Amino acid sequence: MAEEGCNCCRTKERSEKEYKDLINRLNRIEGQIRGIKGMVEKDAYCPDILIQVAAANAALNSFNKVLLANHIKTCVTNDIREGKEETVDELLATLQKLMK
């Protein structure tokens, strides 16, 4: 998996399956957000909106878990094999940001 250059322009080649799975998840989340917006526009009852927001948050958390697992299994593992120990520090910094 190619990751080269500066942090601002690194990329990751994903398998077709991984790509499709991530895009499908994001499309569902996008639909949930549109649904929440529609509920607000239609003056839906607050608890009903909050429940849908919680569902969208859960979907985003699930997306993060899948993406993080793929990252560890590919990028992190490959970098460690290549002696790029700084990848572990990057992973730890990322985890700290996710746990805020």
PDB file of N, CA and C in Angstrom:
ATOM      1  N   MET A   1       0.841  -1.167   0.000  1.00  0.00           N
ATOM      2  CA  MET A   1       0.000   0.000   0.000  1.00  0.00           C
ATOM      3  C   MET A   1       0.895   1.242   0.000  1.00  0.00           C
ATOM      4  N   ALA A   2       0.715   2.088  -0.959  1.00  0.00           N
ATOM      5  CA  ALA A   2       1.621   3.221  -1.160  1.00  0.00           C
ATOM      6  C   ALA A   2       1.289   4.363  -0.217  1.00  0.00           C
ATOM      7  N   GLU A   3       2.252   4.750   0.559  1.00  0.00           N
ATOM      8  CA  GLU A   3       2.181   5.951   1.378  1.00  0.00           C
ATOM      9  C   GLU A   3       3.529   6.615   1.265  1.00  0.00           C
ATOM     10  N   GLU A   4       3.585   7.716   0.535  1.00  0.00           N
ATOM     11  CA  GLU A   4       4.852   8.371   0.318  1.00  0.00           C
ATOM     12  C   GLU A   4       4.696   9.863   0.526  1.00  0.00           C
ATOM     13  N   GLY A   5       5.828  10.540   0.667  1.00  0.00           N
ATOM     14  CA  GLY A   5       5.838  11.992   0.730  1.00  0.00           C
ATOM     15  C   GLY A   5       5.434  12.536   2.079  1.00  0.00           C
ATOM     16  N   CYS A   6       5.044  13.795   2.063  1.00  0.00           N
ATOM     17  CA  CYS A   6       4.688  14.486   3.303  1.00  0.00           C
ATOM     18  C   CYS A   6       3.336  14.021   3.816  1.00  0.00           C
ATOM     19  N   ASN A   7       3.057  14.331   5.088  1.00  0.00           N
ATOM     20  CA  ASN A   7       1.785  13.934   5.689  1.00  0.00           C
ATOM     21  C   ASN A   7       0.589  14.541   4.978  1.00  0.00           C
ATOM     22  N   CYS A   8       0.788  15.696   4.342  1.00  0.00           N
ATOM     23  CA  CYS A   8      -0.336  16.397   3.731  1.00  0.00           C
ATOM     24  C   CYS A   8      -0.778  15.755   2.422  1.00  0.00           C
ATOM     25  N   CYS A   9       0.027  14.922   1.840  1.00  0.00           N
ATOM     26  CA  CYS A   9      -0.327  14.405   0.512  1.00  0.00           C
ATOM     27  C   CYS A   9      -0.152  12.897   0.394  1.00  0.00           C
ATOM     28  N   ARG A  10      -0.125  12.187   1.508  1.00  0.00           N
ATOM     29  CA  ARG A  10      -0.008  10.732   1.440  1.00  0.00           C
ATOM     30  C   ARG A  10      -1.326  10.145   0.962  1.00  0.00           C
ATOM     31  N   THR A  11      -1.231   9.015   0.321  1.00  0.00           N
ATOM     32  CA  THR A  11      -2.436   8.339  -0.165  1.00  0.00           C
ATOM     33  C   THR A  11      -2.364   6.872   0.212  1.00  0.00           C
ATOM     34  N   LYS A  12      -3.474   6.181   0.001  1.00  0.00           N
ATOM     35  CA  LYS A  12      -3.550   4.751   0.287  1.00  0.00           C
ATOM     36  C   LYS A  12      -4.307   4.088  -0.836  1.00  0.00           C
ATOM     37  N   GLU A  13      -3.695   3.099  -1.453  1.00  0.00           N
ATOM     38  CA  GLU A  13      -4.395   2.316  -2.459  1.00  0.00           C
ATOM     39  C   GLU A  13      -5.239   1.281  -1.730  1.00  0.00           C
ATOM     40  N   ARG A  14      -6.534   1.285  -2.035  1.00  0.00           N
ATOM     41  CA  ARG A  14      -7.453   0.356  -1.394  1.00  0.00           C
ATOM     42  C   ARG A  14      -7.924  -0.683  -2.407  1.00  0.00           C
ATOM     43  N   SER A  15      -8.200  -1.877  -1.903  1.00  0.00           N
ATOM     44  CA  SER A  15      -8.786  -2.894  -2.777  1.00  0.00           C
ATOM     45  C   SER A  15     -10.176  -2.425  -3.194  1.00  0.00           C
ATOM     46  N   GLU A  16     -10.675  -2.979  -4.277  1.00  0.00           N
ATOM     47  CA  GLU A  16     -12.017  -2.625  -4.757  1.00  0.00           C
ATOM     48  C   GLU A  16     -13.063  -2.917  -3.677  1.00  0.00           C
ATOM     49  N   LYS A  17     -12.915  -4.040  -2.985  1.00  0.00           N
ATOM     50  CA  LYS A  17     -13.861  -4.418  -1.932  1.00  0.00           C
ATOM     51  C   LYS A  17     -13.841  -3.409  -0.784  1.00  0.00           C
ATOM     52  N   GLU A  18     -12.632  -3.048  -0.310  1.00  0.00           N
ATOM     53  CA  GLU A  18     -12.523  -2.082   0.786  1.00  0.00           C
ATOM     54  C   GLU A  18     -13.101  -0.740   0.364  1.00  0.00           C
ATOM     55  N   TYR A  19     -12.770  -0.302  -0.845  1.00  0.00           N
ATOM     56  CA  TYR A  19     -13.268   0.970  -1.357  1.00  0.00           C
ATOM     57  C   TYR A  19     -14.800   0.980  -1.391  1.00  0.00           C
ATOM     58  N   LYS A  20     -15.386  -0.069  -1.968  1.00  0.00           N
ATOM     59  CA  LYS A  20     -16.849  -0.130  -2.079  1.00  0.00           C
ATOM     60  C   LYS A  20     -17.514  -0.152  -0.709  1.00  0.00           C
ATOM     61  N   ASP A  21     -16.936  -0.902   0.222  1.00  0.00           N
ATOM     62  CA  ASP A  21     -17.502  -0.976   1.574  1.00  0.00           C
ATOM     63  C   ASP A  21     -17.490   0.397   2.238  1.00  0.00           C
ATOM     64  N   LEU A  22     -16.371   1.098   2.156  1.00  0.00           N
ATOM     65  CA  LEU A  22     -16.274   2.421   2.785  1.00  0.00           C
ATOM     66  C   LEU A  22     -17.239   3.414   2.141  1.00  0.00           C
ATOM     67  N   ILE A  23     -17.308   3.415   0.821  1.00  0.00           N
ATOM     68  CA  ILE A  23     -18.212   4.329   0.114  1.00  0.00           C
ATOM     69  C   ILE A  23     -19.676   4.008   0.442  1.00  0.00           C
ATOM     70  N   ASN A  24     -20.027   2.725   0.495  1.00  0.00           N
ATOM     71  CA  ASN A  24     -21.404   2.348   0.853  1.00  0.00           C
ATOM     72  C   ASN A  24     -21.754   2.824   2.255  1.00  0.00           C
ATOM     73  N   ARG A  25     -20.834   2.657   3.185  1.00  0.00           N
ATOM     74  CA  ARG A  25     -21.076   3.132   4.550  1.00  0.00           C
ATOM     75  C   ARG A  25     -21.274   4.644   4.574  1.00  0.00           C
ATOM     76  N   LEU A  26     -20.414   5.361   3.850  1.00  0.00           N
ATOM     77  CA  LEU A  26     -20.530   6.823   3.817  1.00  0.00           C
ATOM     78  C   LEU A  26     -21.823   7.275   3.140  1.00  0.00           C
ATOM     79  N   ASN A  27     -22.243   6.574   2.112  1.00  0.00           N
ATOM     80  CA  ASN A  27     -23.509   6.916   1.460  1.00  0.00           C
ATOM     81  C   ASN A  27     -24.687   6.740   2.402  1.00  0.00           C
ATOM     82  N   ARG A  28     -24.661   5.666   3.210  1.00  0.00           N
ATOM     83  CA  ARG A  28     -25.735   5.460   4.189  1.00  0.00           C
ATOM     84  C   ARG A  28     -25.725   6.561   5.243  1.00  0.00           C
ATOM     85  N   ILE A  29     -24.534   6.929   5.702  1.00  0.00           N
ATOM     86  CA  ILE A  29     -24.417   8.007   6.700  1.00  0.00           C
ATOM     87  C   ILE A  29     -24.922   9.320   6.112  1.00  0.00           C
ATOM     88  N   GLU A  30     -24.551   9.587   4.869  1.00  0.00           N
ATOM     89  CA  GLU A  30     -25.011  10.804   4.196  1.00  0.00           C
ATOM     90  C   GLU A  30     -26.537  10.828   4.131  1.00  0.00           C
ATOM     91  N   GLY A  31     -27.130   9.684   3.836  1.00  0.00           N
ATOM     92  CA  GLY A  31     -28.590   9.592   3.813  1.00  0.00           C
ATOM     93  C   GLY A  31     -29.195   9.847   5.186  1.00  0.00           C
ATOM     94  N   GLN A  32     -28.546   9.319   6.217  1.00  0.00           N
ATOM     95  CA  GLN A  32     -29.038   9.564   7.579  1.00  0.00           C
ATOM     96  C   GLN A  32     -28.988  11.055   7.905  1.00  0.00           C
ATOM     97  N   ILE A  33     -27.911  11.723   7.517  1.00  0.00           N
ATOM     98  CA  ILE A  33     -27.781  13.155   7.807  1.00  0.00           C
ATOM     99  C   ILE A  33     -28.850  13.945   7.058  1.00  0.00           C
ATOM    100  N   ARG A  34     -29.089  13.581   5.804  1.00  0.00           N
ATOM    101  CA  ARG A  34     -30.156  14.242   5.046  1.00  0.00           C
ATOM    102  C   ARG A  34     -31.508  14.028   5.713  1.00  0.00           C
ATOM    103  N   GLY A  35     -31.707  12.807   6.226  1.00  0.00           N
ATOM    104  CA  GLY A  35     -32.955  12.524   6.933  1.00  0.00           C
ATOM    105  C   GLY A  35     -33.108  13.376   8.184  1.00  0.00           C
ATOM    106  N   ILE A  36     -32.029  13.565   8.908  1.00  0.00           N
ATOM    107  CA  ILE A  36     -32.061  14.410  10.112  1.00  0.00           C
ATOM    108  C   ILE A  36     -32.378  15.852   9.724  1.00  0.00           C
ATOM    109  N   LYS A  37     -31.749  16.326   8.661  1.00  0.00           N
ATOM    110  CA  LYS A  37     -32.018  17.689   8.189  1.00  0.00           C
ATOM    111  C   LYS A  37     -33.497  17.830   7.834  1.00  0.00           C
ATOM    112  N   GLY A  38     -34.041  16.819   7.155  1.00  0.00           N
ATOM    113  CA  GLY A  38     -35.455  16.847   6.810  1.00  0.00           C
ATOM    114  C   GLY A  38     -36.347  16.873   8.036  1.00  0.00           C
ATOM    115  N   MET A  39     -35.953  16.146   9.056  1.00  0.00           N
ATOM    116  CA  MET A  39     -36.729  16.145  10.300  1.00  0.00           C
ATOM    117  C   MET A  39     -36.746  17.527  10.931  1.00  0.00           C
ATOM    118  N   VAL A  40     -35.593  18.201  10.933  1.00  0.00           N
ATOM    119  CA  VAL A  40     -35.523  19.559  11.492  1.00  0.00           C
ATOM    120  C   VAL A  40     -36.397  20.495  10.657  1.00  0.00           C
ATOM    121  N   GLU A  41     -36.299  20.367   9.337  1.00  0.00           N
ATOM    122  CA  GLU A  41     -37.094  21.227   8.448  1.00  0.00           C
ATOM    123  C   GLU A  41     -38.590  21.007   8.641  1.00  0.00           C
ATOM    124  N   LYS A  42     -38.982  19.799   9.047  1.00  0.00           N
ATOM    125  CA  LYS A  42     -40.402  19.479   9.243  1.00  0.00           C
ATOM    126  C   LYS A  42     -40.828  19.618  10.704  1.00  0.00           C
ATOM    127  N   ASP A  43     -39.944  20.241  11.503  1.00  0.00           N
ATOM    128  CA  ASP A  43     -40.245  20.479  12.919  1.00  0.00           C
ATOM    129  C   ASP A  43     -40.564  19.200  13.684  1.00  0.00           C
ATOM    130  N   ALA A  44     -39.803  18.158  13.435  1.00  0.00           N
ATOM    131  CA  ALA A  44     -40.010  16.885  14.135  1.00  0.00           C
ATOM    132  C   ALA A  44     -39.741  17.069  15.631  1.00  0.00           C
ATOM    133  N   TYR A  45     -40.274  16.177  16.398  1.00  0.00           N
ATOM    134  CA  TYR A  45     -40.138  16.185  17.844  1.00  0.00           C
ATOM    135  C   TYR A  45     -38.669  15.939  18.215  1.00  0.00           C
ATOM    136  N   CYS A  46     -38.142  16.743  19.145  1.00  0.00           N
ATOM    137  CA  CYS A  46     -36.721  16.719  19.500  1.00  0.00           C
ATOM    138  C   CYS A  46     -36.186  15.310  19.817  1.00  0.00           C
ATOM    139  N   PRO A  47     -36.836  14.531  20.689  1.00  0.00           N
ATOM    140  CA  PRO A  47     -36.307  13.192  20.978  1.00  0.00           C
ATOM    141  C   PRO A  47     -36.204  12.307  19.736  1.00  0.00           C
ATOM    142  N   ASP A  48     -37.119  12.471  18.787  1.00  0.00           N
ATOM    143  CA  ASP A  48     -37.046  11.687  17.555  1.00  0.00           C
ATOM    144  C   ASP A  48     -35.798  12.056  16.752  1.00  0.00           C
ATOM    145  N   ILE A  49     -35.488  13.336  16.702  1.00  0.00           N
ATOM    146  CA  ILE A  49     -34.283  13.792  16.009  1.00  0.00           C
ATOM    147  C   ILE A  49     -33.040  13.288  16.736  1.00  0.00           C
ATOM    148  N   LEU A  50     -33.039  13.399  18.055  1.00  0.00           N
ATOM    149  CA  LEU A  50     -31.887  12.965  18.843  1.00  0.00           C
ATOM    150  C   LEU A  50     -31.594  11.479  18.639  1.00  0.00           C
ATOM    151  N   ILE A  51     -32.628  10.673  18.528  1.00  0.00           N
ATOM    152  CA  ILE A  51     -32.439   9.239  18.302  1.00  0.00           C
ATOM    153  C   ILE A  51     -31.781   9.007  16.938  1.00  0.00           C
ATOM    154  N   GLN A  52     -32.189   9.760  15.939  1.00  0.00           N
ATOM    155  CA  GLN A  52     -31.586   9.626  14.615  1.00  0.00           C
ATOM    156  C   GLN A  52     -30.149  10.133  14.602  1.00  0.00           C
ATOM    157  N   VAL A  53     -29.859  11.181  15.364  1.00  0.00           N
ATOM    158  CA  VAL A  53     -28.482  11.672  15.476  1.00  0.00           C
ATOM    159  C   VAL A  53     -27.609  10.610  16.146  1.00  0.00           C
ATOM    160  N   ALA A  54     -28.137   9.958  17.169  1.00  0.00           N
ATOM    161  CA  ALA A  54     -27.388   8.886  17.830  1.00  0.00           C
ATOM    162  C   ALA A  54     -27.098   7.748  16.856  1.00  0.00           C
ATOM    163  N   ALA A  55     -28.056   7.432  15.997  1.00  0.00           N
ATOM    164  CA  ALA A  55     -27.848   6.376  15.000  1.00  0.00           C
ATOM    165  C   ALA A  55     -26.766   6.789  14.003  1.00  0.00           C
ATOM    166  N   ALA A  56     -26.760   8.053  13.598  1.00  0.00           N
ATOM    167  CA  ALA A  56     -25.733   8.547  12.679  1.00  0.00           C
ATOM    168  C   ALA A  56     -24.360   8.522  13.342  1.00  0.00           C
ATOM    169  N   ASN A  57     -24.302   8.906  14.618  1.00  0.00           N
ATOM    170  CA  ASN A  57     -23.032   8.837  15.354  1.00  0.00           C
ATOM    171  C   ASN A  57     -22.523   7.400  15.437  1.00  0.00           C
ATOM    172  N   ALA A  58     -23.423   6.469  15.694  1.00  0.00           N
ATOM    173  CA  ALA A  58     -23.032   5.055  15.765  1.00  0.00           C
ATOM    174  C   ALA A  58     -22.499   4.583  14.414  1.00  0.00           C
ATOM    175  N   ALA A  59     -23.125   5.020  13.337  1.00  0.00           N
ATOM    176  CA  ALA A  59     -22.666   4.643  12.002  1.00  0.00           C
ATOM    177  C   ALA A  59     -21.285   5.224  11.719  1.00  0.00           C
ATOM    178  N   LEU A  60     -21.035   6.464  12.123  1.00  0.00           N
ATOM    179  CA  LEU A  60     -19.709   7.066  11.953  1.00  0.00           C
ATOM    180  C   LEU A  60     -18.669   6.333  12.789  1.00  0.00           C
ATOM    181  N   ASN A  61     -19.024   5.967  14.009  1.00  0.00           N
ATOM    182  CA  ASN A  61     -18.093   5.213  14.852  1.00  0.00           C
ATOM    183  C   ASN A  61     -17.761   3.861  14.228  1.00  0.00           C
ATOM    184  N   SER A  62     -18.766   3.218  13.654  1.00  0.00           N
ATOM    185  CA  SER A  62     -18.543   1.941  12.985  1.00  0.00           C
ATOM    186  C   SER A  62     -17.622   2.131  11.781  1.00  0.00           C
ATOM    187  N   PHE A  63     -17.828   3.190  11.019  1.00  0.00           N
ATOM    188  CA  PHE A  63     -16.962   3.510   9.879  1.00  0.00           C
ATOM    189  C   PHE A  63     -15.522   3.680  10.362  1.00  0.00           C
ATOM    190  N   ASN A  64     -15.338   4.438  11.449  1.00  0.00           N
ATOM    191  CA  ASN A  64     -13.999   4.645  12.004  1.00  0.00           C
ATOM    192  C   ASN A  64     -13.336   3.333  12.407  1.00  0.00           C
ATOM    193  N   LYS A  65     -14.092   2.440  13.033  1.00  0.00           N
ATOM    194  CA  LYS A  65     -13.537   1.157  13.454  1.00  0.00           C
ATOM    195  C   LYS A  65     -13.049   0.345  12.269  1.00  0.00           C
ATOM    196  N   VAL A  66     -13.846   0.305  11.200  1.00  0.00           N
ATOM    197  CA  VAL A  66     -13.465  -0.445   9.998  1.00  0.00           C
ATOM    198  C   VAL A  66     -12.228   0.184   9.369  1.00  0.00           C
ATOM    199  N   LEU A  67     -12.232   1.499   9.226  1.00  0.00           N
ATOM    200  CA  LEU A  67     -11.101   2.190   8.606  1.00  0.00           C
ATOM    201  C   LEU A  67      -9.832   2.021   9.440  1.00  0.00           C
ATOM    202  N   LEU A  68      -9.952   2.135  10.754  1.00  0.00           N
ATOM    203  CA  LEU A  68      -8.796   1.971  11.637  1.00  0.00           C
ATOM    204  C   LEU A  68      -8.244   0.548  11.563  1.00  0.00           C
ATOM    205  N   ALA A  69      -9.117  -0.436  11.568  1.00  0.00           N
ATOM    206  CA  ALA A  69      -8.665  -1.823  11.470  1.00  0.00           C
ATOM    207  C   ALA A  69      -7.925  -2.060  10.158  1.00  0.00           C
ATOM    208  N   ASN A  70      -8.468  -1.544   9.066  1.00  0.00           N
ATOM    209  CA  ASN A  70      -7.796  -1.687   7.771  1.00  0.00           C
ATOM    210  C   ASN A  70      -6.439  -0.992   7.782  1.00  0.00           C
ATOM    211  N   HIS A  71      -6.378   0.169   8.396  1.00  0.00           N
ATOM    212  CA  HIS A  71      -5.121   0.930   8.474  1.00  0.00           C
ATOM    213  C   HIS A  71      -4.063   0.142   9.245  1.00  0.00           C
ATOM    214  N   ILE A  72      -4.460  -0.429  10.369  1.00  0.00           N
ATOM    215  CA  ILE A  72      -3.506  -1.190  11.186  1.00  0.00           C
ATOM    216  C   ILE A  72      -3.042  -2.442  10.439  1.00  0.00           C
ATOM    217  N   LYS A  73      -3.976  -3.129   9.794  1.00  0.00           N
ATOM    218  CA  LYS A  73      -3.638  -4.372   9.096  1.00  0.00           C
ATOM    219  C   LYS A  73      -2.757  -4.145   7.875  1.00  0.00           C
ATOM    220  N   THR A  74      -2.815  -2.964   7.296  1.00  0.00           N
ATOM    221  CA  THR A  74      -2.049  -2.715   6.072  1.00  0.00           C
ATOM    222  C   THR A  74      -0.918  -1.717   6.326  1.00  0.00           C
ATOM    223  N   CYS A  75      -1.245  -0.463   6.397  1.00  0.00           N
ATOM    224  CA  CYS A  75      -0.234   0.605   6.469  1.00  0.00           C
ATOM    225  C   CYS A  75       0.699   0.447   7.670  1.00  0.00           C
ATOM    226  N   VAL A  76       0.115   0.294   8.846  1.00  0.00           N
ATOM    227  CA  VAL A  76       0.932   0.222  10.065  1.00  0.00           C
ATOM    228  C   VAL A  76       1.807  -1.030  10.034  1.00  0.00           C
ATOM    229  N   THR A  77       1.209  -2.162   9.714  1.00  0.00           N
ATOM    230  CA  THR A  77       1.957  -3.417   9.667  1.00  0.00           C
ATOM    231  C   THR A  77       3.095  -3.334   8.653  1.00  0.00           C
ATOM    232  N   ASN A  78       2.805  -2.835   7.462  1.00  0.00           N
ATOM    233  CA  ASN A  78       3.842  -2.720   6.430  1.00  0.00           C
ATOM    234  C   ASN A  78       4.961  -1.781   6.854  1.00  0.00           C
ATOM    235  N   ASP A  79       4.588  -0.631   7.449  1.00  0.00           N
ATOM    236  CA  ASP A  79       5.608   0.323   7.885  1.00  0.00           C
ATOM    237  C   ASP A  79       6.497  -0.260   8.978  1.00  0.00           C
ATOM    238  N   ILE A  80       5.924  -0.988   9.913  1.00  0.00           N
ATOM    239  CA  ILE A  80       6.724  -1.603  10.977  1.00  0.00           C
ATOM    240  C   ILE A  80       7.686  -2.620  10.379  1.00  0.00           C
ATOM    241  N   ARG A  81       7.208  -3.427   9.438  1.00  0.00           N
ATOM    242  CA  ARG A  81       8.085  -4.388   8.766  1.00  0.00           C
ATOM    243  C   ARG A  81       9.252  -3.696   8.055  1.00  0.00           C
ATOM    244  N   GLU A  82       8.979  -2.480   7.545  1.00  0.00           N
ATOM    245  CA  GLU A  82      10.014  -1.718   6.841  1.00  0.00           C
ATOM    246  C   GLU A  82      10.874  -0.893   7.795  1.00  0.00           C
ATOM    247  N   GLY A  83      10.642  -1.023   9.102  1.00  0.00           N
ATOM    248  CA  GLY A  83      11.442  -0.318  10.090  1.00  0.00           C
ATOM    249  C   GLY A  83      11.012   1.116  10.348  1.00  0.00           C
ATOM    250  N   LYS A  84       9.842   1.503   9.885  1.00  0.00           N
ATOM    251  CA  LYS A  84       9.342   2.870  10.084  1.00  0.00           C
ATOM    252  C   LYS A  84       8.585   2.942  11.411  1.00  0.00           C
ATOM    253  N   GLU A  85       9.337   2.984  12.487  1.00  0.00           N
ATOM    254  CA  GLU A  85       8.758   2.973  13.833  1.00  0.00           C
ATOM    255  C   GLU A  85       7.902   4.206  14.118  1.00  0.00           C
ATOM    256  N   GLU A  86       8.138   5.310  13.405  1.00  0.00           N
ATOM    257  CA  GLU A  86       7.371   6.538  13.638  1.00  0.00           C
ATOM    258  C   GLU A  86       5.883   6.338  13.342  1.00  0.00           C
ATOM    259  N   THR A  87       5.563   5.312  12.589  1.00  0.00           N
ATOM    260  CA  THR A  87       4.163   5.014  12.283  1.00  0.00           C
ATOM    261  C   THR A  87       3.397   4.668  13.552  1.00  0.00           C
ATOM    262  N   VAL A  88       4.063   4.040  14.507  1.00  0.00           N
ATOM    263  CA  VAL A  88       3.405   3.718  15.780  1.00  0.00           C
ATOM    264  C   VAL A  88       3.045   5.004  16.508  1.00  0.00           C
ATOM    265  N   ASP A  89       3.948   5.988  16.508  1.00  0.00           N
ATOM    266  CA  ASP A  89       3.658   7.278  17.139  1.00  0.00           C
ATOM    267  C   ASP A  89       2.482   7.963  16.452  1.00  0.00           C
ATOM    268  N   GLU A  90       2.446   7.884  15.125  1.00  0.00           N
ATOM    269  CA  GLU A  90       1.344   8.470  14.372  1.00  0.00           C
ATOM    270  C   GLU A  90       0.028   7.786  14.740  1.00  0.00           C
ATOM    271  N   LEU A  91       0.056   6.460  14.854  1.00  0.00           N
ATOM    272  CA  LEU A  91      -1.132   5.712  15.232  1.00  0.00           C
ATOM    273  C   LEU A  91      -1.616   6.118  16.628  1.00  0.00           C
ATOM    274  N   LEU A  92      -0.682   6.238  17.562  1.00  0.00           N
ATOM    275  CA  LEU A  92      -1.043   6.638  18.921  1.00  0.00           C
ATOM    276  C   LEU A  92      -1.645   8.030  18.936  1.00  0.00           C
ATOM    277  N   ALA A  93      -1.092   8.952  18.178  1.00  0.00           N
ATOM    278  CA  ALA A  93      -1.630  10.319  18.104  1.00  0.00           C
ATOM    279  C   ALA A  93      -3.049  10.296  17.505  1.00  0.00           C
ATOM    280  N   THR A  94      -3.236   9.463  16.500  1.00  0.00           N
ATOM    281  CA  THR A  94      -4.563   9.340  15.885  1.00  0.00           C
ATOM    282  C   THR A  94      -5.577   8.786  16.880  1.00  0.00           C
ATOM    283  N   LEU A  95      -5.174   7.750  17.622  1.00  0.00           N
ATOM    284  CA  LEU A  95      -6.070   7.171  18.623  1.00  0.00           C
ATOM    285  C   LEU A  95      -6.439   8.181  19.704  1.00  0.00           C
ATOM    286  N   GLN A  96      -5.472   8.994  20.111  1.00  0.00           N
ATOM    287  CA  GLN A  96      -5.757  10.026  21.123  1.00  0.00           C
ATOM    288  C   GLN A  96      -6.798  11.009  20.605  1.00  0.00           C
ATOM    289  N   LYS A  97      -6.700  11.383  19.336  1.00  0.00           N
ATOM    290  CA  LYS A  97      -7.683  12.301  18.756  1.00  0.00           C
ATOM    291  C   LYS A  97      -9.058  11.650  18.664  1.00  0.00           C
ATOM    292  N   LEU A  98      -9.094  10.357  18.340  1.00  0.00           N
ATOM    293  CA  LEU A  98     -10.373   9.662  18.228  1.00  0.00           C
ATOM    294  C   LEU A  98     -11.067   9.489  19.579  1.00  0.00           C
ATOM    295  N   MET A  99     -10.290   9.462  20.650  1.00  0.00           N
ATOM    296  CA  MET A  99     -10.852   9.192  21.975  1.00  0.00           C
ATOM    297  C   MET A  99     -11.225  10.448  22.733  1.00  0.00           C
ATOM    298  N   LYS A 100     -11.163  11.596  22.122  1.00  0.00           N
ATOM    299  CA  LYS A 100     -11.539  12.844  22.811  1.00  0.00           C
ATOM    300  C   LYS A 100     -13.023  12.889  23.059  1.00  0.00           C
TER     301      LYS A 100
END
